[in-house]
Amino acid sequence: MSTGRLPSRYRTRRALLGSLALVVWVPGCLVAMWWQVTVALAGDRLGYLYSVEWPLFAVFGVVVWWNLVHDDPEATGARALRRLRAAPDRPGLGALERRPEEEDAALAAYNDYLAELARRDAAGRR
């Protein structure tokens, strides 16, 4: 049974601003499509291409809005990295960040090798 309320993801500031933009974007694209249809019917053949293109722009706007509303900024991107770094004992940190004390012997040897190559290269350029 539904209570009639929107899920919380639709009530965020981000979702509301995106919805407002969509309310302007889609009708604007449809108006532009109608204008291009009238241009095409007046004899400009390129207008047919543009009259098909504008609805595609409207669909693109809906797809962007959908991803904006359903994407969780706390689970992806810079916010997720900050959250993972703040709680390093949480599972899922994995390869995002390795601490020097967790470095294995093979990786340490390889890093030493690269440092030696860099020193040789710097000495050779002098």
C-alpha atoms as a PDB file:
ATOM      1  CA  MET A   1       0.000   0.000   0.000  1.00  0.00           C
ATOM      2  CA  SER A   2       1.427   3.370  -1.021  1.00  0.00           C
ATOM      3  CA  THR A   3       1.358   6.387   1.264  1.00  0.00           C
ATOM      4  CA  GLY A   4       1.461   8.767  -1.691  1.00  0.00           C
ATOM      5  CA  ARG A   5       4.807  10.291  -0.681  1.00  0.00           C
ATOM      6  CA  LEU A   6       7.781  10.434  -2.983  1.00  0.00           C
ATOM      7  CA  PRO A   7      10.865   8.419  -2.064  1.00  0.00           C
ATOM      8  CA  SER A   8      13.554  10.484  -0.351  1.00  0.00           C
ATOM      9  CA  ARG A   9      15.799  10.503  -3.428  1.00  0.00           C
ATOM     10  CA  TYR A  10      13.261  12.706  -5.227  1.00  0.00           C
ATOM     11  CA  ARG A  11      13.114  15.208  -2.374  1.00  0.00           C
ATOM     12  CA  THR A  12      16.790  16.182  -2.287  1.00  0.00           C
ATOM     13  CA  ARG A  13      17.935  19.620  -3.412  1.00  0.00           C
ATOM     14  CA  ARG A  14      19.831  18.019  -6.274  1.00  0.00           C
ATOM     15  CA  ALA A  15      16.751  16.119  -7.509  1.00  0.00           C
ATOM     16  CA  LEU A  16      14.485  19.137  -7.196  1.00  0.00           C
ATOM     17  CA  LEU A  17      16.865  21.381  -9.167  1.00  0.00           C
ATOM     18  CA  GLY A  18      17.270  18.659 -11.779  1.00  0.00           C
ATOM     19  CA  SER A  19      13.508  18.271 -12.040  1.00  0.00           C
ATOM     20  CA  LEU A  20      13.091  22.015 -12.444  1.00  0.00           C
ATOM     21  CA  ALA A  21      15.676  22.010 -15.227  1.00  0.00           C
ATOM     22  CA  LEU A  22      13.891  19.065 -16.870  1.00  0.00           C
ATOM     23  CA  VAL A  23      10.552  20.898 -16.739  1.00  0.00           C
ATOM     24  CA  VAL A  24      12.170  23.703 -18.741  1.00  0.00           C
ATOM     25  CA  TRP A  25      14.377  21.495 -20.965  1.00  0.00           C
ATOM     26  CA  VAL A  26      11.844  19.034 -22.406  1.00  0.00           C
ATOM     27  CA  PRO A  27       9.185  21.579 -23.450  1.00  0.00           C
ATOM     28  CA  GLY A  28      11.976  23.779 -24.866  1.00  0.00           C
ATOM     29  CA  CYS A  29      13.177  20.877 -26.990  1.00  0.00           C
ATOM     30  CA  LEU A  30       9.640  20.135 -28.146  1.00  0.00           C
ATOM     31  CA  VAL A  31       9.084  23.779 -29.100  1.00  0.00           C
ATOM     32  CA  ALA A  32      12.354  23.750 -31.031  1.00  0.00           C
ATOM     33  CA  MET A  33      11.250  20.528 -32.757  1.00  0.00           C
ATOM     34  CA  TRP A  34       7.937  22.101 -33.800  1.00  0.00           C
ATOM     35  CA  TRP A  35       9.771  25.158 -35.088  1.00  0.00           C
ATOM     36  CA  GLN A  36      12.073  22.951 -37.171  1.00  0.00           C
ATOM     37  CA  VAL A  37       9.088  21.016 -38.542  1.00  0.00           C
ATOM     38  CA  THR A  38       7.581  24.303 -39.743  1.00  0.00           C
ATOM     39  CA  VAL A  39      10.959  25.268 -41.269  1.00  0.00           C
ATOM     40  CA  ALA A  40      11.128  21.878 -43.003  1.00  0.00           C
ATOM     41  CA  LEU A  41       7.582  22.159 -44.324  1.00  0.00           C
ATOM     42  CA  ALA A  42       8.464  25.615 -45.675  1.00  0.00           C
ATOM     43  CA  GLY A  43      11.037  24.002 -47.934  1.00  0.00           C
ATOM     44  CA  ASP A  44      14.287  23.755 -45.962  1.00  0.00           C
ATOM     45  CA  ARG A  45      15.225  20.084 -46.138  1.00  0.00           C
ATOM     46  CA  LEU A  46      17.790  20.405 -43.332  1.00  0.00           C
ATOM     47  CA  GLY A  47      14.869  21.213 -41.031  1.00  0.00           C
ATOM     48  CA  TYR A  48      13.797  17.559 -41.186  1.00  0.00           C
ATOM     49  CA  LEU A  49      17.089  16.501 -39.643  1.00  0.00           C
ATOM     50  CA  TYR A  50      16.815  19.108 -36.907  1.00  0.00           C
ATOM     51  CA  SER A  51      13.182  18.204 -36.224  1.00  0.00           C
ATOM     52  CA  VAL A  52      14.339  14.660 -35.409  1.00  0.00           C
ATOM     53  CA  GLU A  53      17.345  15.859 -33.442  1.00  0.00           C
ATOM     54  CA  TRP A  54      15.432  17.960 -30.886  1.00  0.00           C
ATOM     55  CA  PRO A  55      13.379  15.073 -29.465  1.00  0.00           C
ATOM     56  CA  LEU A  56      16.647  13.170 -29.051  1.00  0.00           C
ATOM     57  CA  PHE A  57      17.971  16.096 -27.019  1.00  0.00           C
ATOM     58  CA  ALA A  58      14.827  15.892 -24.880  1.00  0.00           C
ATOM     59  CA  VAL A  59      15.406  12.171 -24.291  1.00  0.00           C
ATOM     60  CA  PHE A  60      19.033  12.914 -23.425  1.00  0.00           C
ATOM     61  CA  GLY A  61      17.827  15.415 -20.831  1.00  0.00           C
ATOM     62  CA  VAL A  62      15.561  12.788 -19.276  1.00  0.00           C
ATOM     63  CA  VAL A  63      18.460  10.300 -19.132  1.00  0.00           C
ATOM     64  CA  VAL A  64      20.708  12.873 -17.456  1.00  0.00           C
ATOM     65  CA  TRP A  65      17.953  13.708 -14.968  1.00  0.00           C
ATOM     66  CA  TRP A  66      17.409  10.003 -14.205  1.00  0.00           C
ATOM     67  CA  ASN A  67      21.112   9.470 -13.544  1.00  0.00           C
ATOM     68  CA  LEU A  68      21.273  12.627 -11.448  1.00  0.00           C
ATOM     69  CA  VAL A  69      18.409  11.493  -9.241  1.00  0.00           C
ATOM     70  CA  HIS A  70      19.407   7.832  -8.955  1.00  0.00           C
ATOM     71  CA  ASP A  71      23.159   8.292  -8.580  1.00  0.00           C
ATOM     72  CA  ASP A  72      24.363   8.257  -4.989  1.00  0.00           C
ATOM     73  CA  PRO A  73      27.094  10.895  -4.559  1.00  0.00           C
ATOM     74  CA  GLU A  74      28.081   9.261  -1.262  1.00  0.00           C
ATOM     75  CA  ALA A  75      28.906   5.998  -3.058  1.00  0.00           C
ATOM     76  CA  THR A  76      30.892   7.365  -6.021  1.00  0.00           C
ATOM     77  CA  GLY A  77      33.502   9.980  -6.729  1.00  0.00           C
ATOM     78  CA  ALA A  78      35.380  12.233  -4.334  1.00  0.00           C
ATOM     79  CA  ARG A  79      32.831  11.956  -1.525  1.00  0.00           C
ATOM     80  CA  ALA A  80      33.148   8.180  -1.501  1.00  0.00           C
ATOM     81  CA  LEU A  81      36.937   8.393  -1.368  1.00  0.00           C
ATOM     82  CA  ARG A  82      36.785  10.827   1.569  1.00  0.00           C
ATOM     83  CA  ARG A  83      34.331   8.554   3.342  1.00  0.00           C
ATOM     84  CA  LEU A  84      36.521   5.493   2.778  1.00  0.00           C
ATOM     85  CA  ARG A  85      39.621   7.304   3.983  1.00  0.00           C
ATOM     86  CA  ALA A  86      37.810   8.455   7.111  1.00  0.00           C
ATOM     87  CA  ALA A  87      36.942   4.841   7.963  1.00  0.00           C
ATOM     88  CA  PRO A  88      39.875   2.746   6.682  1.00  0.00           C
ATOM     89  CA  ASP A  89      38.794  -0.391   8.531  1.00  0.00           C
ATOM     90  CA  ARG A  90      35.655  -0.665   6.402  1.00  0.00           C
ATOM     91  CA  PRO A  91      35.626  -3.376   3.754  1.00  0.00           C
ATOM     92  CA  GLY A  92      35.864  -2.153   0.193  1.00  0.00           C
ATOM     93  CA  LEU A  93      38.888   0.088   0.597  1.00  0.00           C
ATOM     94  CA  GLY A  94      40.987  -2.505  -1.229  1.00  0.00           C
ATOM     95  CA  ALA A  95      43.198  -1.094  -3.921  1.00  0.00           C
ATOM     96  CA  LEU A  96      41.998   2.486  -3.518  1.00  0.00           C
ATOM     97  CA  GLU A  97      44.573   3.208  -0.876  1.00  0.00           C
ATOM     98  CA  ARG A  98      47.438   1.072   0.416  1.00  0.00           C
ATOM     99  CA  ARG A  99      49.380   2.172   3.427  1.00  0.00           C
ATOM    100  CA  PRO A 100      53.183   1.917   3.397  1.00  0.00           C
ATOM    101  CA  GLU A 101      53.123  -0.537   6.296  1.00  0.00           C
ATOM    102  CA  GLU A 102      50.938  -2.849   4.193  1.00  0.00           C
ATOM    103  CA  GLU A 103      53.363  -2.793   1.279  1.00  0.00           C
ATOM    104  CA  ASP A 104      54.587  -6.256   0.395  1.00  0.00           C
ATOM    105  CA  ALA A 105      58.232  -7.125  -0.211  1.00  0.00           C
ATOM    106  CA  ALA A 106      57.965  -7.430  -4.006  1.00  0.00           C
ATOM    107  CA  LEU A 107      56.338  -4.034  -4.328  1.00  0.00           C
ATOM    108  CA  ALA A 108      58.914  -2.474  -1.996  1.00  0.00           C
ATOM    109  CA  ALA A 109      61.741  -3.942  -4.093  1.00  0.00           C
ATOM    110  CA  TYR A 110      60.152  -2.642  -7.294  1.00  0.00           C
ATOM    111  CA  ASN A 111      59.715   0.841  -5.799  1.00  0.00           C
ATOM    112  CA  ASP A 112      63.374   0.808  -4.714  1.00  0.00           C
ATOM    113  CA  TYR A 113      64.361  -0.197  -8.250  1.00  0.00           C
ATOM    114  CA  LEU A 114      62.344   2.674  -9.739  1.00  0.00           C
ATOM    115  CA  ALA A 115      63.886   5.129  -7.276  1.00  0.00           C
ATOM    116  CA  GLU A 116      67.377   3.941  -8.247  1.00  0.00           C
ATOM    117  CA  LEU A 117      66.555   4.378 -11.951  1.00  0.00           C
ATOM    118  CA  ALA A 118      65.329   7.899 -11.264  1.00  0.00           C
ATOM    119  CA  ARG A 119      68.543   8.716  -9.360  1.00  0.00           C
ATOM    120  CA  ARG A 120      70.692   7.373 -12.230  1.00  0.00           C
ATOM    121  CA  ASP A 121      68.681   9.327 -14.779  1.00  0.00           C
ATOM    122  CA  ALA A 122      69.021  12.541 -12.757  1.00  0.00           C
ATOM    123  CA  ALA A 123      72.786  11.975 -12.341  1.00  0.00           C
ATOM    124  CA  GLY A 124      73.200  11.287 -16.073  1.00  0.00           C
ATOM    125  CA  ARG A 125      71.544  14.553 -17.072  1.00  0.00           C
ATOM    126  CA  ARG A 126      73.998  16.692 -15.105  1.00  0.00           C
END
